[in-house]
Amino acid sequence: MKIKSLCAIVALAASPAFADSHAMTFQGDVANGEEQFNRQCVACHVVKNDDGETLAGRNGRSGPNLFAMAGRTLGTVDGFRYGKSIVEAGELGAIWTEENFVGYLQDPTNWLREKLDDKKARAKMSARVRKADDAYDIFAYVATFTDPTALKTALDGAAQAEINN
C-alpha cells in the first residue's frame, strides 16, 4: 500500500475556507485521486458546496453529493434517496472513514453485508473501484472537500466509539 500524501495540503492551502485549519494524513495520493474521481465517479457524483458551487465533477445525480463526505454518517445527505442498507449502517453509527470508504468502493454490496451482518443487504451503487490504491486516492481527494477540523472531530469520535465497543 502506498503512503504518499498529506491529505489536501495543496488543496487546503489554496482554499480560503480551510486555510487556517491543519490537514489530516491519509494513505492516498490526492492528485491521482482527482484523476480517478474524474474517470470513475463523475458520471454519478458531484461535489457541490453549500452555496451550490460545483467544486468537482459535472452534474451527477444518481449518487449523493460528496461535499463534506469524509467523516459524515453514512446515508445522510439531505434530499438523496439512499438504499435501506446504507441508511441502516449509518443508523448503527457508521461514518465515512478512509477504511469504510475504501471497503465500500471496492465492493459496495459485500461491504454492507459484512458491516450489517446481513446476507440480504444490498447497495444501490453497482460500480466498483478495482484497485485499492485508487480507492485510497479517491478518498484522499474527496476528503479535501471536508473541513479538516470537523473531519478530525468525527474521526476521533469514531475511533473512541470503536474503543468503547
N, C-alpha and C. Protein backbone atom coordinates (compact mmCIF):
# COMPACT_ATOMS: atom_id res chain seq x y z
N MET A 1 0.85 -1.17 0.00
CA MET A 1 0.00 0.00 0.00
C MET A 1 0.89 1.23 0.00
N LYS A 2 0.62 2.17 -0.86
CA LYS A 2 1.45 3.36 -0.89
C LYS A 2 0.98 4.37 0.15
N ILE A 3 1.93 4.99 0.79
CA ILE A 3 1.61 6.05 1.73
C ILE A 3 2.29 7.29 1.19
N LYS A 4 1.53 8.12 0.45
CA LYS A 4 2.12 9.18 -0.32
C LYS A 4 1.79 10.57 0.17
N SER A 5 0.60 10.79 0.63
CA SER A 5 0.19 12.18 0.69
C SER A 5 -0.24 12.64 2.05
N LEU A 6 -0.10 13.88 2.22
CA LEU A 6 -0.79 14.56 3.31
C LEU A 6 -2.07 15.05 2.66
N CYS A 7 -3.17 14.56 3.18
CA CYS A 7 -4.44 14.88 2.56
C CYS A 7 -4.62 16.37 2.47
N ALA A 8 -4.66 16.85 1.28
CA ALA A 8 -5.10 18.19 0.97
C ALA A 8 -4.16 19.31 1.31
N ILE A 9 -2.89 19.07 1.52
CA ILE A 9 -2.02 20.20 1.84
C ILE A 9 -2.13 21.25 0.75
N VAL A 10 -1.99 20.84 -0.48
CA VAL A 10 -2.07 21.82 -1.56
C VAL A 10 -3.48 22.35 -1.71
N ALA A 11 -4.45 21.46 -1.74
CA ALA A 11 -5.84 21.91 -1.93
C ALA A 11 -6.33 22.76 -0.78
N LEU A 12 -5.99 22.37 0.44
CA LEU A 12 -6.45 23.15 1.58
C LEU A 12 -5.75 24.49 1.67
N ALA A 13 -4.49 24.52 1.34
CA ALA A 13 -3.77 25.79 1.39
C ALA A 13 -4.35 26.77 0.38
N ALA A 14 -4.85 26.25 -0.72
CA ALA A 14 -5.44 27.11 -1.75
C ALA A 14 -6.88 27.47 -1.45
N SER A 15 -7.49 26.81 -0.50
CA SER A 15 -8.90 27.03 -0.19
C SER A 15 -9.05 27.98 0.99
N PRO A 16 -9.61 29.16 0.76
CA PRO A 16 -9.73 30.12 1.85
C PRO A 16 -10.59 29.61 3.00
N ALA A 17 -11.57 28.78 2.72
CA ALA A 17 -12.45 28.29 3.78
C ALA A 17 -11.70 27.43 4.79
N PHE A 18 -10.65 26.77 4.34
CA PHE A 18 -9.95 25.84 5.20
C PHE A 18 -8.49 26.23 5.44
N ALA A 19 -8.07 27.39 4.99
CA ALA A 19 -6.66 27.75 5.02
C ALA A 19 -6.06 27.76 6.41
N ASP A 20 -6.86 28.11 7.43
CA ASP A 20 -6.30 28.18 8.77
C ASP A 20 -6.40 26.87 9.53
N SER A 21 -6.91 25.83 8.91
CA SER A 21 -7.02 24.52 9.56
C SER A 21 -5.82 23.67 9.20
N HIS A 22 -5.59 22.62 9.97
CA HIS A 22 -4.50 21.71 9.65
C HIS A 22 -5.01 20.53 8.84
N ALA A 23 -4.14 19.97 8.01
CA ALA A 23 -4.52 18.86 7.14
C ALA A 23 -4.43 17.54 7.88
N MET A 24 -5.22 16.58 7.46
CA MET A 24 -5.18 15.23 8.00
C MET A 24 -4.31 14.39 7.06
N THR A 25 -3.74 13.34 7.57
CA THR A 25 -2.91 12.46 6.75
C THR A 25 -3.70 11.21 6.40
N PHE A 26 -3.73 10.89 5.11
CA PHE A 26 -4.38 9.68 4.63
C PHE A 26 -3.40 8.93 3.74
N GLN A 27 -3.73 7.69 3.42
CA GLN A 27 -2.83 6.86 2.63
C GLN A 27 -2.77 7.24 1.17
N GLY A 28 -3.83 7.83 0.64
CA GLY A 28 -3.92 8.06 -0.79
C GLY A 28 -3.18 9.28 -1.29
N ASP A 29 -3.08 9.35 -2.60
CA ASP A 29 -2.45 10.44 -3.32
C ASP A 29 -3.56 11.34 -3.88
N VAL A 30 -3.61 12.58 -3.43
CA VAL A 30 -4.69 13.50 -3.80
C VAL A 30 -4.73 13.72 -5.32
N ALA A 31 -3.58 13.93 -5.94
CA ALA A 31 -3.55 14.21 -7.38
C ALA A 31 -4.10 13.03 -8.18
N ASN A 32 -3.67 11.82 -7.85
CA ASN A 32 -4.22 10.65 -8.55
C ASN A 32 -5.69 10.46 -8.19
N GLY A 33 -6.06 10.79 -6.96
CA GLY A 33 -7.46 10.70 -6.56
C GLY A 33 -8.35 11.58 -7.40
N GLU A 34 -7.87 12.78 -7.71
CA GLU A 34 -8.64 13.68 -8.58
C GLU A 34 -8.80 13.06 -9.97
N GLU A 35 -7.71 12.51 -10.48
CA GLU A 35 -7.75 11.86 -11.80
C GLU A 35 -8.72 10.68 -11.79
N GLN A 36 -8.65 9.84 -10.76
CA GLN A 36 -9.54 8.69 -10.67
C GLN A 36 -10.99 9.11 -10.46
N PHE A 37 -11.21 10.13 -9.65
CA PHE A 37 -12.56 10.66 -9.46
C PHE A 37 -13.14 11.08 -10.81
N ASN A 38 -12.34 11.78 -11.61
CA ASN A 38 -12.79 12.24 -12.92
C ASN A 38 -13.00 11.10 -13.90
N ARG A 39 -12.38 9.98 -13.69
CA ARG A 39 -12.56 8.80 -14.54
C ARG A 39 -13.72 7.92 -14.07
N GLN A 40 -13.80 7.70 -12.76
CA GLN A 40 -14.67 6.65 -12.25
C GLN A 40 -15.92 7.14 -11.50
N CYS A 41 -15.96 8.40 -11.11
CA CYS A 41 -17.02 8.84 -10.20
C CYS A 41 -17.95 9.91 -10.76
N VAL A 42 -17.47 10.70 -11.72
CA VAL A 42 -18.22 11.89 -12.14
C VAL A 42 -19.54 11.58 -12.85
N ALA A 43 -19.68 10.40 -13.38
CA ALA A 43 -20.95 10.07 -14.05
C ALA A 43 -22.11 10.06 -13.05
N CYS A 44 -21.80 9.75 -11.80
CA CYS A 44 -22.85 9.64 -10.78
C CYS A 44 -22.75 10.67 -9.66
N HIS A 45 -21.55 11.17 -9.38
CA HIS A 45 -21.33 12.03 -8.21
C HIS A 45 -20.83 13.41 -8.61
N VAL A 46 -21.15 14.36 -7.77
CA VAL A 46 -20.67 15.73 -7.89
C VAL A 46 -20.25 16.17 -6.49
N VAL A 47 -19.40 17.18 -6.45
CA VAL A 47 -19.05 17.81 -5.18
C VAL A 47 -19.50 19.26 -5.31
N LYS A 48 -20.58 19.60 -4.61
CA LYS A 48 -21.11 20.97 -4.61
C LYS A 48 -21.12 21.47 -3.18
N ASN A 49 -20.60 22.68 -2.98
CA ASN A 49 -20.58 23.23 -1.63
C ASN A 49 -21.97 23.72 -1.23
N ASP A 50 -22.08 24.24 -0.03
CA ASP A 50 -23.37 24.68 0.49
C ASP A 50 -23.97 25.85 -0.28
N ASP A 51 -23.13 26.57 -1.03
CA ASP A 51 -23.61 27.68 -1.86
C ASP A 51 -24.04 27.22 -3.25
N GLY A 52 -23.93 25.89 -3.51
CA GLY A 52 -24.33 25.34 -4.80
C GLY A 52 -23.25 25.41 -5.86
N GLU A 53 -22.04 25.82 -5.48
CA GLU A 53 -20.93 25.90 -6.43
C GLU A 53 -20.36 24.50 -6.66
N THR A 54 -20.21 24.11 -7.91
CA THR A 54 -19.63 22.81 -8.25
C THR A 54 -18.12 22.89 -8.09
N LEU A 55 -17.58 22.08 -7.20
CA LEU A 55 -16.15 22.06 -6.93
C LEU A 55 -15.45 20.91 -7.65
N ALA A 56 -16.19 19.86 -7.94
CA ALA A 56 -15.63 18.71 -8.66
C ALA A 56 -16.78 17.96 -9.32
N GLY A 57 -16.45 17.31 -10.41
CA GLY A 57 -17.47 16.56 -11.13
C GLY A 57 -18.25 17.45 -12.08
N ARG A 58 -19.28 16.87 -12.64
CA ARG A 58 -20.12 17.61 -13.57
C ARG A 58 -21.44 17.87 -12.87
N ASN A 59 -22.41 17.07 -13.18
CA ASN A 59 -23.72 17.26 -12.56
C ASN A 59 -24.35 15.92 -12.26
N GLY A 60 -23.52 14.96 -11.81
CA GLY A 60 -24.02 13.63 -11.49
C GLY A 60 -25.12 13.69 -10.45
N ARG A 61 -26.17 12.96 -10.70
CA ARG A 61 -27.31 12.98 -9.77
C ARG A 61 -27.71 11.61 -9.27
N SER A 62 -27.18 10.55 -9.86
CA SER A 62 -27.61 9.23 -9.40
C SER A 62 -26.93 8.83 -8.10
N GLY A 63 -25.84 9.52 -7.74
CA GLY A 63 -25.18 9.30 -6.46
C GLY A 63 -25.25 10.58 -5.64
N PRO A 64 -25.04 10.49 -4.33
CA PRO A 64 -25.12 11.68 -3.48
C PRO A 64 -23.96 12.65 -3.72
N ASN A 65 -24.19 13.89 -3.37
CA ASN A 65 -23.17 14.92 -3.36
C ASN A 65 -22.09 14.49 -2.36
N LEU A 66 -20.83 14.60 -2.75
CA LEU A 66 -19.74 14.16 -1.89
C LEU A 66 -19.06 15.30 -1.13
N PHE A 67 -19.68 16.47 -1.12
CA PHE A 67 -19.12 17.58 -0.34
C PHE A 67 -19.22 17.24 1.15
N ALA A 68 -18.13 17.43 1.86
CA ALA A 68 -18.05 17.15 3.30
C ALA A 68 -18.40 15.70 3.63
N MET A 69 -18.08 14.79 2.71
CA MET A 69 -18.41 13.37 2.88
C MET A 69 -17.53 12.71 3.94
N ALA A 70 -16.24 13.00 3.93
CA ALA A 70 -15.32 12.33 4.86
C ALA A 70 -15.72 12.67 6.30
N GLY A 71 -15.92 11.64 7.09
CA GLY A 71 -16.32 11.82 8.48
C GLY A 71 -17.82 11.91 8.70
N ARG A 72 -18.60 11.93 7.63
CA ARG A 72 -20.06 12.04 7.74
C ARG A 72 -20.68 10.66 7.97
N THR A 73 -21.79 10.64 8.65
CA THR A 73 -22.55 9.41 8.87
C THR A 73 -23.08 8.92 7.52
N LEU A 74 -23.00 7.63 7.29
CA LEU A 74 -23.48 7.05 6.04
C LEU A 74 -24.97 7.32 5.85
N GLY A 75 -25.36 7.58 4.61
CA GLY A 75 -26.77 7.70 4.25
C GLY A 75 -27.46 8.94 4.76
N THR A 76 -26.76 10.07 4.84
CA THR A 76 -27.37 11.24 5.48
C THR A 76 -27.34 12.53 4.65
N VAL A 77 -27.11 12.47 3.36
CA VAL A 77 -27.18 13.69 2.55
C VAL A 77 -28.66 14.04 2.37
N ASP A 78 -29.03 15.24 2.81
CA ASP A 78 -30.42 15.69 2.69
C ASP A 78 -30.88 15.64 1.24
N GLY A 79 -32.06 15.09 1.04
CA GLY A 79 -32.67 15.07 -0.28
C GLY A 79 -32.25 13.91 -1.17
N PHE A 80 -31.26 13.12 -0.75
CA PHE A 80 -30.86 11.98 -1.58
C PHE A 80 -31.59 10.73 -1.09
N ARG A 81 -32.08 9.95 -2.04
CA ARG A 81 -32.81 8.72 -1.71
C ARG A 81 -31.85 7.53 -1.69
N TYR A 82 -31.40 7.21 -0.50
CA TYR A 82 -30.47 6.10 -0.30
C TYR A 82 -31.22 4.77 -0.25
N GLY A 83 -30.44 3.70 -0.44
CA GLY A 83 -30.97 2.37 -0.22
C GLY A 83 -31.09 2.10 1.27
N LYS A 84 -31.94 1.16 1.61
CA LYS A 84 -32.22 0.81 3.00
C LYS A 84 -30.96 0.39 3.77
N SER A 85 -30.10 -0.39 3.14
CA SER A 85 -28.94 -0.95 3.85
C SER A 85 -27.93 0.11 4.25
N ILE A 86 -27.67 1.07 3.39
CA ILE A 86 -26.68 2.09 3.75
C ILE A 86 -27.22 3.02 4.83
N VAL A 87 -28.53 3.28 4.79
CA VAL A 87 -29.16 4.08 5.84
C VAL A 87 -29.06 3.33 7.17
N GLU A 88 -29.31 2.03 7.14
CA GLU A 88 -29.21 1.23 8.36
C GLU A 88 -27.79 1.25 8.93
N ALA A 89 -26.79 1.16 8.05
CA ALA A 89 -25.40 1.22 8.52
C ALA A 89 -25.13 2.57 9.20
N GLY A 90 -25.65 3.63 8.64
CA GLY A 90 -25.50 4.94 9.26
C GLY A 90 -26.22 5.03 10.59
N GLU A 91 -27.40 4.46 10.66
CA GLU A 91 -28.16 4.47 11.92
C GLU A 91 -27.42 3.70 13.02
N LEU A 92 -26.59 2.75 12.61
CA LEU A 92 -25.79 1.99 13.57
C LEU A 92 -24.50 2.71 13.93
N GLY A 93 -24.29 3.90 13.34
CA GLY A 93 -23.14 4.72 13.70
C GLY A 93 -21.98 4.70 12.72
N ALA A 94 -22.11 4.04 11.58
CA ALA A 94 -21.01 4.00 10.62
C ALA A 94 -20.82 5.38 9.99
N ILE A 95 -19.55 5.79 9.91
CA ILE A 95 -19.23 7.05 9.23
C ILE A 95 -18.23 6.75 8.11
N TRP A 96 -18.07 7.73 7.24
CA TRP A 96 -17.14 7.58 6.12
C TRP A 96 -15.71 7.84 6.59
N THR A 97 -15.10 6.79 7.10
CA THR A 97 -13.68 6.81 7.39
C THR A 97 -12.96 6.35 6.13
N GLU A 98 -11.66 6.49 6.13
CA GLU A 98 -10.88 6.00 5.00
C GLU A 98 -11.12 4.51 4.79
N GLU A 99 -11.08 3.75 5.87
CA GLU A 99 -11.26 2.29 5.79
C GLU A 99 -12.65 1.93 5.25
N ASN A 100 -13.69 2.56 5.78
CA ASN A 100 -15.05 2.27 5.32
C ASN A 100 -15.24 2.65 3.86
N PHE A 101 -14.73 3.81 3.47
CA PHE A 101 -14.86 4.29 2.10
C PHE A 101 -14.20 3.33 1.12
N VAL A 102 -12.96 2.95 1.42
CA VAL A 102 -12.23 2.06 0.53
C VAL A 102 -12.93 0.71 0.42
N GLY A 103 -13.36 0.15 1.54
CA GLY A 103 -14.07 -1.13 1.51
C GLY A 103 -15.35 -1.05 0.70
N TYR A 104 -16.10 0.02 0.90
CA TYR A 104 -17.35 0.21 0.17
C TYR A 104 -17.09 0.37 -1.32
N LEU A 105 -16.11 1.19 -1.69
CA LEU A 105 -15.84 1.40 -3.12
C LEU A 105 -15.43 0.12 -3.83
N GLN A 106 -14.73 -0.75 -3.13
CA GLN A 106 -14.25 -1.95 -3.79
C GLN A 106 -15.34 -3.01 -3.97
N ASP A 107 -16.32 -3.03 -3.09
CA ASP A 107 -17.42 -3.99 -3.23
C ASP A 107 -18.58 -3.54 -2.35
N PRO A 108 -19.40 -2.60 -2.86
CA PRO A 108 -20.44 -1.99 -2.03
C PRO A 108 -21.39 -2.98 -1.36
N THR A 109 -21.92 -3.92 -2.10
CA THR A 109 -22.90 -4.84 -1.51
C THR A 109 -22.26 -5.74 -0.46
N ASN A 110 -21.13 -6.34 -0.77
CA ASN A 110 -20.49 -7.23 0.21
C ASN A 110 -20.02 -6.46 1.43
N TRP A 111 -19.57 -5.22 1.24
CA TRP A 111 -19.15 -4.41 2.39
C TRP A 111 -20.34 -4.18 3.32
N LEU A 112 -21.50 -3.84 2.75
CA LEU A 112 -22.70 -3.63 3.57
C LEU A 112 -23.14 -4.92 4.25
N ARG A 113 -23.06 -6.04 3.54
CA ARG A 113 -23.43 -7.32 4.14
C ARG A 113 -22.56 -7.64 5.34
N GLU A 114 -21.26 -7.39 5.21
CA GLU A 114 -20.36 -7.63 6.35
C GLU A 114 -20.62 -6.65 7.47
N LYS A 115 -20.77 -5.38 7.14
CA LYS A 115 -20.96 -4.34 8.15
C LYS A 115 -22.24 -4.58 8.95
N LEU A 116 -23.30 -5.01 8.25
CA LEU A 116 -24.59 -5.20 8.89
C LEU A 116 -24.81 -6.63 9.37
N ASP A 117 -23.90 -7.54 9.00
CA ASP A 117 -24.07 -8.96 9.28
C ASP A 117 -25.43 -9.43 8.77
N ASP A 118 -25.69 -9.10 7.50
CA ASP A 118 -26.97 -9.40 6.87
C ASP A 118 -26.71 -9.82 5.42
N LYS A 119 -26.93 -11.10 5.13
CA LYS A 119 -26.69 -11.62 3.79
C LYS A 119 -27.61 -11.00 2.73
N LYS A 120 -28.69 -10.37 3.16
CA LYS A 120 -29.63 -9.78 2.22
C LYS A 120 -29.39 -8.29 1.97
N ALA A 121 -28.43 -7.71 2.67
CA ALA A 121 -28.14 -6.28 2.48
C ALA A 121 -27.73 -6.03 1.04
N ARG A 122 -28.12 -4.88 0.53
CA ARG A 122 -27.81 -4.51 -0.86
C ARG A 122 -27.38 -3.06 -0.93
N ALA A 123 -26.49 -2.80 -1.87
CA ALA A 123 -26.08 -1.43 -2.17
C ALA A 123 -26.74 -1.00 -3.47
N LYS A 124 -27.15 0.24 -3.54
CA LYS A 124 -27.65 0.78 -4.80
C LYS A 124 -26.51 1.07 -5.77
N MET A 125 -25.32 1.32 -5.22
CA MET A 125 -24.16 1.60 -6.07
C MET A 125 -23.63 0.28 -6.63
N SER A 126 -23.62 0.19 -7.95
CA SER A 126 -23.15 -1.04 -8.58
C SER A 126 -21.71 -0.93 -9.06
N ALA A 127 -21.21 0.28 -9.24
CA ALA A 127 -19.83 0.47 -9.69
C ALA A 127 -18.86 0.05 -8.60
N ARG A 128 -17.68 -0.37 -9.02
CA ARG A 128 -16.62 -0.76 -8.09
C ARG A 128 -15.31 -0.12 -8.54
N VAL A 129 -14.50 0.21 -7.59
CA VAL A 129 -13.13 0.64 -7.88
C VAL A 129 -12.26 -0.58 -7.65
N ARG A 130 -11.69 -1.08 -8.69
CA ARG A 130 -10.99 -2.36 -8.63
C ARG A 130 -9.69 -2.33 -7.81
N LYS A 131 -8.93 -1.26 -7.94
CA LYS A 131 -7.64 -1.18 -7.26
C LYS A 131 -7.79 -0.46 -5.92
N ALA A 132 -7.30 -1.10 -4.87
CA ALA A 132 -7.36 -0.48 -3.54
C ALA A 132 -6.62 0.85 -3.52
N ASP A 133 -5.48 0.94 -4.20
CA ASP A 133 -4.73 2.20 -4.23
C ASP A 133 -5.57 3.32 -4.82
N ASP A 134 -6.34 3.03 -5.87
CA ASP A 134 -7.20 4.05 -6.46
C ASP A 134 -8.29 4.47 -5.49
N ALA A 135 -8.84 3.53 -4.75
CA ALA A 135 -9.88 3.86 -3.76
C ALA A 135 -9.31 4.74 -2.66
N TYR A 136 -8.11 4.44 -2.19
CA TYR A 136 -7.46 5.29 -1.19
C TYR A 136 -7.22 6.69 -1.75
N ASP A 137 -6.80 6.74 -3.01
CA ASP A 137 -6.53 8.02 -3.64
C ASP A 137 -7.81 8.85 -3.78
N ILE A 138 -8.90 8.20 -4.16
CA ILE A 138 -10.18 8.91 -4.29
C ILE A 138 -10.61 9.45 -2.94
N PHE A 139 -10.45 8.67 -1.88
CA PHE A 139 -10.80 9.17 -0.55
C PHE A 139 -9.96 10.39 -0.19
N ALA A 140 -8.65 10.33 -0.43
CA ALA A 140 -7.77 11.45 -0.12
C ALA A 140 -8.23 12.71 -0.85
N TYR A 141 -8.63 12.54 -2.11
CA TYR A 141 -9.11 13.68 -2.90
C TYR A 141 -10.44 14.21 -2.37
N VAL A 142 -11.40 13.32 -2.19
CA VAL A 142 -12.73 13.75 -1.73
C VAL A 142 -12.64 14.37 -0.33
N ALA A 143 -11.73 13.88 0.49
CA ALA A 143 -11.56 14.42 1.83
C ALA A 143 -11.10 15.87 1.81
N THR A 144 -10.52 16.33 0.70
CA THR A 144 -10.11 17.73 0.62
C THR A 144 -11.31 18.67 0.63
N PHE A 145 -12.50 18.14 0.41
CA PHE A 145 -13.72 18.95 0.40
C PHE A 145 -14.47 18.87 1.74
N THR A 146 -13.77 18.46 2.77
CA THR A 146 -14.32 18.40 4.12
C THR A 146 -13.48 19.30 5.01
N ASP A 147 -14.11 20.10 5.84
CA ASP A 147 -13.40 20.94 6.79
C ASP A 147 -12.55 20.04 7.68
N PRO A 148 -11.23 20.23 7.70
CA PRO A 148 -10.35 19.34 8.47
C PRO A 148 -10.67 19.29 9.97
N THR A 149 -11.12 20.38 10.53
CA THR A 149 -11.45 20.37 11.96
C THR A 149 -12.65 19.49 12.22
N ALA A 150 -13.68 19.61 11.39
CA ALA A 150 -14.87 18.77 11.52
C ALA A 150 -14.52 17.30 11.26
N LEU A 151 -13.66 17.08 10.28
CA LEU A 151 -13.25 15.71 9.96
C LEU A 151 -12.48 15.09 11.13
N LYS A 152 -11.56 15.82 11.70
CA LYS A 152 -10.79 15.29 12.83
C LYS A 152 -11.71 14.96 14.00
N THR A 153 -12.66 15.83 14.27
CA THR A 153 -13.62 15.59 15.35
C THR A 153 -14.42 14.31 15.10
N ALA A 154 -14.91 14.15 13.86
CA ALA A 154 -15.70 12.96 13.51
C ALA A 154 -14.85 11.69 13.61
N LEU A 155 -13.64 11.74 13.08
CA LEU A 155 -12.78 10.55 13.11
C LEU A 155 -12.34 10.21 14.53
N ASP A 156 -12.06 11.23 15.34
CA ASP A 156 -11.72 10.97 16.74
C ASP A 156 -12.90 10.32 17.47
N GLY A 157 -14.10 10.80 17.18
CA GLY A 157 -15.31 10.23 17.79
C GLY A 157 -15.51 8.78 17.36
N ALA A 158 -15.26 8.50 16.08
CA ALA A 158 -15.40 7.13 15.58
C ALA A 158 -14.38 6.22 16.22
N ALA A 159 -13.15 6.70 16.37
CA ALA A 159 -12.09 5.90 17.00
C ALA A 159 -12.45 5.60 18.45
N GLN A 160 -12.98 6.58 19.15
CA GLN A 160 -13.38 6.38 20.55
C GLN A 160 -14.53 5.37 20.65
N ALA A 161 -15.48 5.45 19.72
CA ALA A 161 -16.60 4.51 19.71
C ALA A 161 -16.11 3.08 19.50
N GLU A 162 -15.10 2.92 18.60
CA GLU A 162 -14.52 1.59 18.36
C GLU A 162 -13.87 1.05 19.64
N ILE A 163 -13.18 1.91 20.35
CA ILE A 163 -12.52 1.50 21.60
C ILE A 163 -13.56 1.07 22.63
N ASN A 164 -14.67 1.79 22.70
CA ASN A 164 -15.71 1.52 23.70
C ASN A 164 -16.55 0.29 23.36
N ASN A 165 -16.52 -0.16 22.12
CA ASN A 165 -17.35 -1.32 21.73
C ASN A 165 -16.62 -2.61 21.85
